[in-house]
Amino acid sequence: MSGYVLTRAALADLDDIWDYTETNWGPVQAETYVRAIAALCADLADGRRASLSAEAIRAGYRKASVGRHVVFFRHDAQRITVVRILHQRRDIDTQLDPEG
């Protein structure tokens, strides 16, 4: 695979993560955490990171964790599509749009 894309919902999640982290722990920590999420996505796209099936939540979905967040994605031969980036305490099933 070569790369990844984020859905609008995943971009909004990333913005929310940045805002929350920056407010509570400062801009340096926000940058560090968002970069860690981006690195995970890149590693997933390049096959350098393992993921788990999330089929029980949505057909074709996979997931991987970084910090206290879970990255949900779909993949095809060209790339992965990051559907959502959700805190592990969220009600994941209700947050994932089946059309994602």
C-alpha atoms as a PDB file:
ATOM      1  CA  MET A   1       0.000   0.000   0.000  1.00  0.00           C
ATOM      2  CA  SER A   2       1.098   3.542  -0.461  1.00  0.00           C
ATOM      3  CA  GLY A   3      -0.312   5.979   2.001  1.00  0.00           C
ATOM      4  CA  TYR A   4      -3.466   6.841   3.805  1.00  0.00           C
ATOM      5  CA  VAL A   5      -6.316   9.326   3.706  1.00  0.00           C
ATOM      6  CA  LEU A   6      -8.542  10.596   6.474  1.00  0.00           C
ATOM      7  CA  THR A   7     -12.294  11.022   6.176  1.00  0.00           C
ATOM      8  CA  ARG A   8     -13.816  14.344   7.221  1.00  0.00           C
ATOM      9  CA  ALA A   9     -14.886  12.691  10.465  1.00  0.00           C
ATOM     10  CA  ALA A  10     -11.336  11.490  11.159  1.00  0.00           C
ATOM     11  CA  LEU A  11      -9.969  14.978  10.438  1.00  0.00           C
ATOM     12  CA  ALA A  12     -12.510  16.432  12.868  1.00  0.00           C
ATOM     13  CA  ASP A  13     -11.454  13.824  15.446  1.00  0.00           C
ATOM     14  CA  LEU A  14      -7.816  14.822  14.975  1.00  0.00           C
ATOM     15  CA  ASP A  15      -8.683  18.507  15.410  1.00  0.00           C
ATOM     16  CA  ASP A  16     -10.605  17.692  18.605  1.00  0.00           C
ATOM     17  CA  ILE A  17      -7.690  15.607  19.903  1.00  0.00           C
ATOM     18  CA  TRP A  18      -5.288  18.479  19.204  1.00  0.00           C
ATOM     19  CA  ASP A  19      -7.561  21.026  20.925  1.00  0.00           C
ATOM     20  CA  TYR A  20      -8.129  18.888  24.007  1.00  0.00           C
ATOM     21  CA  THR A  21      -4.468  17.946  24.365  1.00  0.00           C
ATOM     22  CA  GLU A  22      -3.268  21.510  23.794  1.00  0.00           C
ATOM     23  CA  THR A  23      -5.735  22.874  26.365  1.00  0.00           C
ATOM     24  CA  ASN A  24      -4.812  20.296  29.011  1.00  0.00           C
ATOM     25  CA  TRP A  25      -1.117  19.594  28.372  1.00  0.00           C
ATOM     26  CA  GLY A  26       0.145  22.334  26.073  1.00  0.00           C
ATOM     27  CA  PRO A  27       1.075  22.713  22.418  1.00  0.00           C
ATOM     28  CA  VAL A  28       4.235  20.602  22.579  1.00  0.00           C
ATOM     29  CA  GLN A  29       2.305  17.590  23.882  1.00  0.00           C
ATOM     30  CA  ALA A  30      -0.483  18.194  21.337  1.00  0.00           C
ATOM     31  CA  GLU A  31       2.069  18.162  18.509  1.00  0.00           C
ATOM     32  CA  THR A  32       3.753  15.036  19.894  1.00  0.00           C
ATOM     33  CA  TYR A  33       0.471  13.156  20.227  1.00  0.00           C
ATOM     34  CA  VAL A  34      -0.921  14.129  16.818  1.00  0.00           C
ATOM     35  CA  ARG A  35       2.409  13.137  15.230  1.00  0.00           C
ATOM     36  CA  ALA A  36       2.193   9.758  16.970  1.00  0.00           C
ATOM     37  CA  ILE A  37      -1.260   9.225  15.479  1.00  0.00           C
ATOM     38  CA  ALA A  38       0.012  10.210  12.017  1.00  0.00           C
ATOM     39  CA  ALA A  39       2.999   7.872  12.411  1.00  0.00           C
ATOM     40  CA  LEU A  40       0.661   5.007  13.309  1.00  0.00           C
ATOM     41  CA  CYS A  41      -1.419   5.675  10.189  1.00  0.00           C
ATOM     42  CA  ALA A  42       1.696   5.744   8.009  1.00  0.00           C
ATOM     43  CA  ASP A  43       2.984   2.527   9.576  1.00  0.00           C
ATOM     44  CA  LEU A  44      -0.373   0.818   9.034  1.00  0.00           C
ATOM     45  CA  ALA A  45      -0.379   1.905   5.387  1.00  0.00           C
ATOM     46  CA  ASP A  46       3.169   0.593   4.885  1.00  0.00           C
ATOM     47  CA  GLY A  47       2.458  -2.686   6.657  1.00  0.00           C
ATOM     48  CA  ARG A  48       4.919  -1.941   9.482  1.00  0.00           C
ATOM     49  CA  ARG A  49       2.248  -2.112  12.188  1.00  0.00           C
ATOM     50  CA  ALA A  50      -0.196  -4.861  13.028  1.00  0.00           C
ATOM     51  CA  SER A  51      -3.900  -4.197  13.376  1.00  0.00           C
ATOM     52  CA  LEU A  52      -6.902  -6.077  14.656  1.00  0.00           C
ATOM     53  CA  SER A  53     -10.165  -6.879  12.959  1.00  0.00           C
ATOM     54  CA  ALA A  54     -13.071  -4.611  13.824  1.00  0.00           C
ATOM     55  CA  GLU A  55     -15.540  -6.668  11.783  1.00  0.00           C
ATOM     56  CA  ALA A  56     -17.778  -7.028  14.830  1.00  0.00           C
ATOM     57  CA  ILE A  57     -18.365  -3.270  14.665  1.00  0.00           C
ATOM     58  CA  ARG A  58     -18.438  -2.688  10.891  1.00  0.00           C
ATOM     59  CA  ALA A  59     -17.725  -5.025   7.980  1.00  0.00           C
ATOM     60  CA  GLY A  60     -14.310  -4.402   6.455  1.00  0.00           C
ATOM     61  CA  TYR A  61     -13.022  -2.283   9.345  1.00  0.00           C
ATOM     62  CA  ARG A  62      -9.758  -2.777  11.191  1.00  0.00           C
ATOM     63  CA  LYS A  63      -8.361  -0.997  14.238  1.00  0.00           C
ATOM     64  CA  ALA A  64      -5.109  -0.107  15.958  1.00  0.00           C
ATOM     65  CA  SER A  65      -4.381   1.798  19.153  1.00  0.00           C
ATOM     66  CA  VAL A  66      -2.137   4.740  19.892  1.00  0.00           C
ATOM     67  CA  GLY A  67      -2.098   6.254  23.369  1.00  0.00           C
ATOM     68  CA  ARG A  68      -5.707   6.309  24.549  1.00  0.00           C
ATOM     69  CA  HIS A  69      -7.173   6.450  21.053  1.00  0.00           C
ATOM     70  CA  VAL A  70      -8.232   3.827  18.550  1.00  0.00           C
ATOM     71  CA  VAL A  71      -7.772   4.374  14.818  1.00  0.00           C
ATOM     72  CA  PHE A  72     -10.488   2.699  12.747  1.00  0.00           C
ATOM     73  CA  PHE A  73      -9.766   2.178   9.071  1.00  0.00           C
ATOM     74  CA  ARG A  74     -10.546   0.299   5.883  1.00  0.00           C
ATOM     75  CA  HIS A  75      -7.965  -0.761   3.349  1.00  0.00           C
ATOM     76  CA  ASP A  76      -7.652  -1.678  -0.276  1.00  0.00           C
ATOM     77  CA  ALA A  77      -4.649  -2.442  -2.480  1.00  0.00           C
ATOM     78  CA  GLN A  78      -3.650   1.221  -2.823  1.00  0.00           C
ATOM     79  CA  ARG A  79      -4.147   2.792   0.607  1.00  0.00           C
ATOM     80  CA  ILE A  80      -5.937   2.819   3.912  1.00  0.00           C
ATOM     81  CA  THR A  81      -8.832   5.117   4.673  1.00  0.00           C
ATOM     82  CA  VAL A  82      -8.901   6.270   8.280  1.00  0.00           C
ATOM     83  CA  VAL A  83     -12.576   6.429   9.184  1.00  0.00           C
ATOM     84  CA  ARG A  84     -12.424   7.670  12.796  1.00  0.00           C
ATOM     85  CA  ILE A  85      -9.926   8.273  15.612  1.00  0.00           C
ATOM     86  CA  LEU A  86     -11.839   7.714  18.829  1.00  0.00           C
ATOM     87  CA  HIS A  87     -10.960   7.763  22.506  1.00  0.00           C
ATOM     88  CA  GLN A  88     -11.034   4.271  23.957  1.00  0.00           C
ATOM     89  CA  ARG A  89     -13.800   5.255  26.402  1.00  0.00           C
ATOM     90  CA  ARG A  90     -16.224   6.426  23.710  1.00  0.00           C
ATOM     91  CA  ASP A  91     -19.198   4.328  22.663  1.00  0.00           C
ATOM     92  CA  ILE A  92     -17.413   3.203  19.533  1.00  0.00           C
ATOM     93  CA  ASP A  93     -20.316   1.435  17.852  1.00  0.00           C
ATOM     94  CA  THR A  94     -22.527   4.514  17.845  1.00  0.00           C
ATOM     95  CA  GLN A  95     -19.684   6.770  16.643  1.00  0.00           C
ATOM     96  CA  LEU A  96     -18.845   4.842  13.481  1.00  0.00           C
ATOM     97  CA  ASP A  97     -20.845   5.918  10.466  1.00  0.00           C
ATOM     98  CA  PRO A  98     -21.689   2.825   8.411  1.00  0.00           C
ATOM     99  CA  GLU A  99     -21.051   4.875   5.269  1.00  0.00           C
ATOM    100  CA  GLY A 100     -17.742   6.140   6.743  1.00  0.00           C
END
